[in-house]
Amino acid sequence: PLPAPATPAAGPDPQVERAVARVFSELLKTPVDVTTPFFRLGASSLTVVLAHRALRAELDEGLTVVDMFGRPTVRELATFITARREASGNTAPATPTPEEGPPPAAEAEPASRRAAARRAARARAAELAG
């Protein structure tokens, strides 16, 4: 059984949310909006798998790819990871993110920027896979 947040209004640990946003921003090479689904940000299935690898190492080694596909935004995934950490008694703060990293975008990116981000993500994924 998957743990649920303590209350329906419970949100993510801000450090966890920043860490998840940073991982996706680095993979997509663009700031990400925390409420926009990963695939609308330009992520591919391979991007999600690469993010999974980084997030397992940094935040939650029990995280599965299925968990990520079931929580398709930075905020939803960060809330899920926060709840798992609290349920397991792991209250240690998330790894601090570098100050120079790209902050989450306040608004969704224009369609042309999303398309460019998708192309860049696919090229990066092909580079890493090949």
N, C-alpha and C. Protein backbone atom coordinates (compact mmCIF):
# COMPACT_ATOMS: atom_id res chain seq x y z
N PRO A 1 0.83 -1.19 0.00
CA PRO A 1 0.00 0.00 0.00
C PRO A 1 0.86 1.25 0.00
N LEU A 2 0.43 2.21 -0.76
CA LEU A 2 1.17 3.46 -0.86
C LEU A 2 0.70 4.42 0.22
N PRO A 3 1.63 5.12 0.90
CA PRO A 3 1.21 6.07 1.93
C PRO A 3 0.54 7.28 1.31
N ALA A 4 -0.41 7.82 2.02
CA ALA A 4 -1.10 9.02 1.57
C ALA A 4 -0.61 10.20 2.39
N PRO A 5 -0.73 11.41 1.86
CA PRO A 5 -0.37 12.56 2.67
C PRO A 5 -1.19 12.58 3.95
N ALA A 6 -0.66 13.22 5.00
CA ALA A 6 -1.32 13.25 6.30
C ALA A 6 -2.71 13.87 6.21
N THR A 7 -2.87 14.91 5.42
CA THR A 7 -4.16 15.53 5.20
C THR A 7 -4.30 15.81 3.72
N PRO A 8 -5.52 15.91 3.22
CA PRO A 8 -5.69 16.18 1.79
C PRO A 8 -5.01 17.47 1.35
N ALA A 9 -4.92 18.45 2.24
CA ALA A 9 -4.32 19.72 1.88
C ALA A 9 -2.80 19.72 2.06
N ALA A 10 -2.26 18.59 2.54
CA ALA A 10 -0.81 18.53 2.78
C ALA A 10 -0.07 18.71 1.47
N GLY A 11 0.93 19.54 1.51
CA GLY A 11 1.71 19.77 0.30
C GLY A 11 3.08 19.16 0.45
N PRO A 12 3.90 19.34 -0.54
CA PRO A 12 5.24 18.76 -0.50
C PRO A 12 6.18 19.57 0.38
N ASP A 13 7.23 18.91 0.83
CA ASP A 13 8.34 19.60 1.48
C ASP A 13 8.93 20.51 0.40
N PRO A 14 9.10 21.81 0.68
CA PRO A 14 9.63 22.72 -0.35
C PRO A 14 10.99 22.28 -0.91
N GLN A 15 11.84 21.68 -0.08
CA GLN A 15 13.14 21.23 -0.57
C GLN A 15 12.97 20.04 -1.51
N VAL A 16 12.03 19.16 -1.22
CA VAL A 16 11.77 18.02 -2.10
C VAL A 16 11.23 18.54 -3.44
N GLU A 17 10.30 19.49 -3.38
CA GLU A 17 9.75 20.03 -4.62
C GLU A 17 10.84 20.70 -5.46
N ARG A 18 11.72 21.46 -4.81
CA ARG A 18 12.82 22.10 -5.55
C ARG A 18 13.74 21.07 -6.16
N ALA A 19 14.01 19.97 -5.43
CA ALA A 19 14.90 18.93 -5.95
C ALA A 19 14.28 18.25 -7.17
N VAL A 20 12.98 17.94 -7.11
CA VAL A 20 12.30 17.31 -8.25
C VAL A 20 12.30 18.27 -9.44
N ALA A 21 11.98 19.54 -9.19
CA ALA A 21 11.97 20.54 -10.27
C ALA A 21 13.36 20.69 -10.88
N ARG A 22 14.39 20.68 -10.04
CA ARG A 22 15.76 20.83 -10.54
C ARG A 22 16.14 19.65 -11.45
N VAL A 23 15.79 18.43 -11.03
CA VAL A 23 16.12 17.26 -11.85
C VAL A 23 15.47 17.37 -13.22
N PHE A 24 14.18 17.71 -13.27
CA PHE A 24 13.52 17.84 -14.56
C PHE A 24 14.05 19.04 -15.34
N SER A 25 14.35 20.14 -14.67
CA SER A 25 14.91 21.31 -15.37
C SER A 25 16.24 20.97 -16.01
N GLU A 26 17.07 20.22 -15.30
CA GLU A 26 18.38 19.83 -15.86
C GLU A 26 18.21 18.90 -17.06
N LEU A 27 17.28 17.95 -16.96
CA LEU A 27 17.08 17.02 -18.07
C LEU A 27 16.47 17.71 -19.29
N LEU A 28 15.54 18.63 -19.05
CA LEU A 28 14.86 19.31 -20.15
C LEU A 28 15.58 20.58 -20.59
N LYS A 29 16.59 20.99 -19.80
CA LYS A 29 17.37 22.19 -20.09
C LYS A 29 16.49 23.44 -20.20
N THR A 30 15.49 23.51 -19.33
CA THR A 30 14.60 24.67 -19.27
C THR A 30 13.92 24.66 -17.90
N PRO A 31 13.55 25.84 -17.38
CA PRO A 31 12.80 25.85 -16.13
C PRO A 31 11.47 25.11 -16.30
N VAL A 32 10.97 24.53 -15.23
CA VAL A 32 9.72 23.79 -15.31
C VAL A 32 8.67 24.39 -14.39
N ASP A 33 7.43 24.34 -14.82
CA ASP A 33 6.29 24.75 -14.00
C ASP A 33 5.90 23.53 -13.18
N VAL A 34 5.77 23.69 -11.86
CA VAL A 34 5.55 22.55 -10.97
C VAL A 34 4.16 21.94 -11.09
N THR A 35 3.24 22.62 -11.78
CA THR A 35 1.88 22.08 -11.91
C THR A 35 1.57 21.58 -13.33
N THR A 36 2.52 21.66 -14.23
CA THR A 36 2.33 21.20 -15.60
C THR A 36 2.81 19.75 -15.72
N PRO A 37 2.00 18.87 -16.33
CA PRO A 37 2.43 17.48 -16.48
C PRO A 37 3.76 17.37 -17.23
N PHE A 38 4.56 16.38 -16.84
CA PHE A 38 5.89 16.19 -17.41
C PHE A 38 5.88 16.17 -18.93
N PHE A 39 4.93 15.46 -19.52
CA PHE A 39 4.92 15.33 -20.98
C PHE A 39 4.55 16.64 -21.67
N ARG A 40 3.78 17.47 -21.02
CA ARG A 40 3.47 18.79 -21.58
C ARG A 40 4.67 19.73 -21.47
N LEU A 41 5.59 19.41 -20.56
CA LEU A 41 6.82 20.20 -20.43
C LEU A 41 7.84 19.82 -21.51
N GLY A 42 7.58 18.72 -22.21
CA GLY A 42 8.52 18.28 -23.23
C GLY A 42 9.25 17.00 -22.86
N ALA A 43 8.89 16.40 -21.73
CA ALA A 43 9.55 15.16 -21.31
C ALA A 43 9.05 14.00 -22.16
N SER A 44 9.90 13.02 -22.31
CA SER A 44 9.54 11.76 -22.96
C SER A 44 9.58 10.67 -21.89
N SER A 45 9.19 9.47 -22.26
CA SER A 45 9.28 8.35 -21.32
C SER A 45 10.71 8.16 -20.85
N LEU A 46 11.66 8.34 -21.74
CA LEU A 46 13.07 8.19 -21.36
C LEU A 46 13.48 9.28 -20.37
N THR A 47 12.96 10.50 -20.55
CA THR A 47 13.26 11.57 -19.60
C THR A 47 12.77 11.18 -18.21
N VAL A 48 11.57 10.61 -18.13
CA VAL A 48 11.02 10.20 -16.84
C VAL A 48 11.88 9.10 -16.22
N VAL A 49 12.35 8.17 -17.03
CA VAL A 49 13.22 7.10 -16.52
C VAL A 49 14.54 7.68 -16.01
N LEU A 50 15.12 8.63 -16.72
CA LEU A 50 16.36 9.26 -16.28
C LEU A 50 16.13 10.07 -14.99
N ALA A 51 14.99 10.75 -14.92
CA ALA A 51 14.65 11.49 -13.70
C ALA A 51 14.46 10.51 -12.54
N HIS A 52 13.86 9.38 -12.81
CA HIS A 52 13.67 8.34 -11.79
C HIS A 52 15.00 7.93 -11.19
N ARG A 53 15.97 7.70 -12.04
CA ARG A 53 17.30 7.29 -11.56
C ARG A 53 17.88 8.36 -10.62
N ALA A 54 17.80 9.61 -11.03
CA ALA A 54 18.35 10.69 -10.21
C ALA A 54 17.58 10.86 -8.89
N LEU A 55 16.26 10.78 -8.96
CA LEU A 55 15.44 10.98 -7.76
C LEU A 55 15.58 9.82 -6.78
N ARG A 56 15.75 8.61 -7.29
CA ARG A 56 15.99 7.47 -6.39
C ARG A 56 17.28 7.69 -5.61
N ALA A 57 18.32 8.14 -6.30
CA ALA A 57 19.61 8.34 -5.65
C ALA A 57 19.57 9.50 -4.66
N GLU A 58 18.80 10.54 -4.99
CA GLU A 58 18.82 11.75 -4.18
C GLU A 58 17.78 11.80 -3.08
N LEU A 59 16.57 11.26 -3.35
CA LEU A 59 15.47 11.49 -2.42
C LEU A 59 14.83 10.23 -1.84
N ASP A 60 14.62 9.20 -2.66
CA ASP A 60 13.81 8.07 -2.22
C ASP A 60 14.19 6.83 -3.02
N GLU A 61 15.00 5.97 -2.42
CA GLU A 61 15.46 4.80 -3.18
C GLU A 61 14.35 3.80 -3.45
N GLY A 62 13.19 3.94 -2.80
CA GLY A 62 12.07 3.05 -3.06
C GLY A 62 11.14 3.55 -4.15
N LEU A 63 11.42 4.70 -4.72
CA LEU A 63 10.58 5.29 -5.77
C LEU A 63 10.61 4.41 -7.01
N THR A 64 9.43 4.21 -7.61
CA THR A 64 9.36 3.41 -8.83
C THR A 64 8.95 4.30 -10.01
N VAL A 65 9.21 3.82 -11.21
CA VAL A 65 8.80 4.54 -12.41
C VAL A 65 7.27 4.62 -12.44
N VAL A 66 6.60 3.58 -11.99
CA VAL A 66 5.14 3.58 -11.94
C VAL A 66 4.65 4.71 -11.02
N ASP A 67 5.33 4.92 -9.89
CA ASP A 67 4.99 6.04 -9.00
C ASP A 67 5.04 7.35 -9.77
N MET A 68 6.05 7.51 -10.60
CA MET A 68 6.24 8.76 -11.34
C MET A 68 5.17 8.95 -12.40
N PHE A 69 4.83 7.89 -13.12
CA PHE A 69 3.79 8.02 -14.14
C PHE A 69 2.43 8.27 -13.50
N GLY A 70 2.23 7.81 -12.28
CA GLY A 70 0.98 8.03 -11.57
C GLY A 70 0.85 9.41 -10.96
N ARG A 71 1.95 10.13 -10.88
CA ARG A 71 1.99 11.48 -10.31
C ARG A 71 2.73 12.35 -11.30
N PRO A 72 2.06 12.81 -12.36
CA PRO A 72 2.74 13.39 -13.53
C PRO A 72 3.15 14.84 -13.46
N THR A 73 3.14 15.45 -12.27
CA THR A 73 3.65 16.82 -12.17
C THR A 73 4.70 16.86 -11.07
N VAL A 74 5.53 17.87 -11.10
CA VAL A 74 6.55 18.04 -10.07
C VAL A 74 5.88 18.09 -8.69
N ARG A 75 4.82 18.88 -8.58
CA ARG A 75 4.16 19.05 -7.28
C ARG A 75 3.55 17.74 -6.78
N GLU A 76 2.85 17.01 -7.65
CA GLU A 76 2.24 15.73 -7.23
C GLU A 76 3.32 14.73 -6.81
N LEU A 77 4.38 14.65 -7.58
CA LEU A 77 5.45 13.71 -7.26
C LEU A 77 6.16 14.11 -5.98
N ALA A 78 6.40 15.40 -5.79
CA ALA A 78 7.06 15.87 -4.58
C ALA A 78 6.18 15.62 -3.35
N THR A 79 4.87 15.79 -3.50
CA THR A 79 3.95 15.51 -2.39
C THR A 79 4.00 14.03 -2.04
N PHE A 80 4.02 13.18 -3.04
CA PHE A 80 4.09 11.73 -2.83
C PHE A 80 5.40 11.35 -2.12
N ILE A 81 6.51 11.89 -2.60
CA ILE A 81 7.81 11.58 -1.99
C ILE A 81 7.85 12.09 -0.55
N THR A 82 7.31 13.27 -0.31
CA THR A 82 7.26 13.83 1.05
C THR A 82 6.47 12.90 1.96
N ALA A 83 5.31 12.43 1.50
CA ALA A 83 4.48 11.53 2.31
C ALA A 83 5.22 10.22 2.60
N ARG A 84 5.91 9.68 1.61
CA ARG A 84 6.67 8.44 1.82
C ARG A 84 7.78 8.65 2.84
N ARG A 85 8.46 9.78 2.74
CA ARG A 85 9.56 10.08 3.68
C ARG A 85 9.02 10.23 5.09
N GLU A 86 7.89 10.91 5.24
CA GLU A 86 7.28 11.09 6.56
C GLU A 86 6.79 9.75 7.12
N ALA A 87 6.18 8.92 6.27
CA ALA A 87 5.68 7.62 6.72
C ALA A 87 6.81 6.69 7.15
N SER A 88 7.97 6.83 6.52
CA SER A 88 9.10 5.96 6.86
C SER A 88 9.91 6.53 8.02
N GLY A 89 9.54 7.71 8.48
CA GLY A 89 10.28 8.34 9.56
C GLY A 89 11.53 9.06 9.10
N ASN A 90 11.73 9.15 7.80
CA ASN A 90 12.88 9.85 7.24
C ASN A 90 12.52 11.33 7.16
N THR A 91 12.85 12.05 8.22
CA THR A 91 12.54 13.48 8.23
C THR A 91 13.76 14.33 7.90
N ALA A 92 14.84 13.67 7.48
CA ALA A 92 16.04 14.42 7.08
C ALA A 92 15.68 15.30 5.88
N PRO A 93 16.18 16.52 5.86
CA PRO A 93 15.86 17.39 4.72
C PRO A 93 16.40 16.81 3.42
N ALA A 94 15.72 17.17 2.35
CA ALA A 94 16.20 16.77 1.03
C ALA A 94 17.54 17.42 0.80
N THR A 95 18.32 16.84 -0.10
CA THR A 95 19.60 17.42 -0.44
C THR A 95 19.38 18.84 -0.92
N PRO A 96 20.05 19.82 -0.33
CA PRO A 96 19.85 21.21 -0.78
C PRO A 96 20.21 21.35 -2.26
N THR A 97 19.44 22.16 -2.94
CA THR A 97 19.70 22.40 -4.35
C THR A 97 20.65 23.58 -4.49
N PRO A 98 21.48 23.57 -5.52
CA PRO A 98 22.39 24.70 -5.71
C PRO A 98 21.60 25.98 -5.98
N GLU A 99 22.07 27.08 -5.43
CA GLU A 99 21.40 28.36 -5.61
C GLU A 99 21.39 28.80 -7.08
N GLU A 100 22.41 28.41 -7.83
CA GLU A 100 22.48 28.86 -9.21
C GLU A 100 21.61 28.05 -10.16
N GLY A 101 20.94 27.01 -9.67
CA GLY A 101 20.09 26.18 -10.52
C GLY A 101 18.87 26.96 -10.99
N PRO A 102 18.27 26.53 -12.09
CA PRO A 102 17.11 27.25 -12.62
C PRO A 102 15.91 27.08 -11.69
N PRO A 103 15.23 28.17 -11.33
CA PRO A 103 14.04 28.07 -10.48
C PRO A 103 12.86 27.56 -11.30
N PRO A 104 11.85 26.97 -10.64
CA PRO A 104 10.66 26.58 -11.40
C PRO A 104 10.03 27.80 -12.04
N ALA A 105 9.51 27.64 -13.23
CA ALA A 105 8.88 28.76 -13.95
C ALA A 105 7.56 29.11 -13.28
N ALA A 106 7.22 30.37 -13.27
CA ALA A 106 5.97 30.82 -12.67
C ALA A 106 4.78 30.50 -13.57
N GLU A 107 5.02 30.44 -14.86
CA GLU A 107 3.96 30.17 -15.81
C GLU A 107 4.41 29.07 -16.77
N ALA A 108 3.45 28.45 -17.43
CA ALA A 108 3.78 27.43 -18.43
C ALA A 108 4.53 28.09 -19.58
N GLU A 109 5.42 27.34 -20.17
CA GLU A 109 6.20 27.86 -21.29
C GLU A 109 5.33 27.97 -22.54
N PRO A 110 5.60 28.94 -23.41
CA PRO A 110 4.87 29.01 -24.68
C PRO A 110 5.09 27.73 -25.49
N ALA A 111 4.15 27.45 -26.38
CA ALA A 111 4.19 26.22 -27.16
C ALA A 111 5.50 26.05 -27.92
N SER A 112 6.02 27.13 -28.49
CA SER A 112 7.27 27.01 -29.25
C SER A 112 8.44 26.63 -28.35
N ARG A 113 8.46 27.13 -27.13
CA ARG A 113 9.53 26.77 -26.18
C ARG A 113 9.37 25.32 -25.73
N ARG A 114 8.12 24.89 -25.53
CA ARG A 114 7.89 23.49 -25.14
C ARG A 114 8.35 22.56 -26.24
N ALA A 115 8.04 22.91 -27.49
CA ALA A 115 8.45 22.08 -28.62
C ALA A 115 9.98 22.01 -28.70
N ALA A 116 10.63 23.15 -28.52
CA ALA A 116 12.10 23.17 -28.53
C ALA A 116 12.65 22.33 -27.38
N ALA A 117 12.01 22.41 -26.23
CA ALA A 117 12.46 21.61 -25.08
C ALA A 117 12.29 20.13 -25.36
N ARG A 118 11.18 19.76 -26.02
CA ARG A 118 10.97 18.34 -26.38
C ARG A 118 12.07 17.86 -27.32
N ARG A 119 12.36 18.68 -28.34
CA ARG A 119 13.42 18.29 -29.28
C ARG A 119 14.75 18.13 -28.56
N ALA A 120 15.06 19.06 -27.68
CA ALA A 120 16.32 19.00 -26.93
C ALA A 120 16.35 17.77 -26.03
N ALA A 121 15.22 17.47 -25.40
CA ALA A 121 15.16 16.30 -24.52
C ALA A 121 15.35 15.02 -25.31
N ARG A 122 14.73 14.95 -26.47
CA ARG A 122 14.88 13.75 -27.31
C ARG A 122 16.33 13.60 -27.78
N ALA A 123 16.95 14.71 -28.16
CA ALA A 123 18.35 14.65 -28.60
C ALA A 123 19.24 14.20 -27.44
N ARG A 124 18.98 14.73 -26.25
CA ARG A 124 19.76 14.35 -25.06
C ARG A 124 19.55 12.87 -24.74
N ALA A 125 18.30 12.41 -24.82
CA ALA A 125 17.99 11.02 -24.53
C ALA A 125 18.70 10.10 -25.54
N ALA A 126 18.69 10.49 -26.82
CA ALA A 126 19.37 9.69 -27.83
C ALA A 126 20.86 9.65 -27.57
N GLU A 127 21.41 10.80 -27.15
CA GLU A 127 22.84 10.88 -26.84
C GLU A 127 23.20 9.95 -25.67
N LEU A 128 22.36 9.96 -24.63
CA LEU A 128 22.62 9.13 -23.45
C LEU A 128 22.40 7.64 -23.75
N ALA A 129 21.43 7.34 -24.61
CA ALA A 129 21.13 5.95 -24.94
C ALA A 129 22.15 5.35 -25.89
N GLY A 130 22.75 6.19 -26.72
CA GLY A 130 23.62 5.68 -27.77
C GLY A 130 25.02 5.69 -27.37
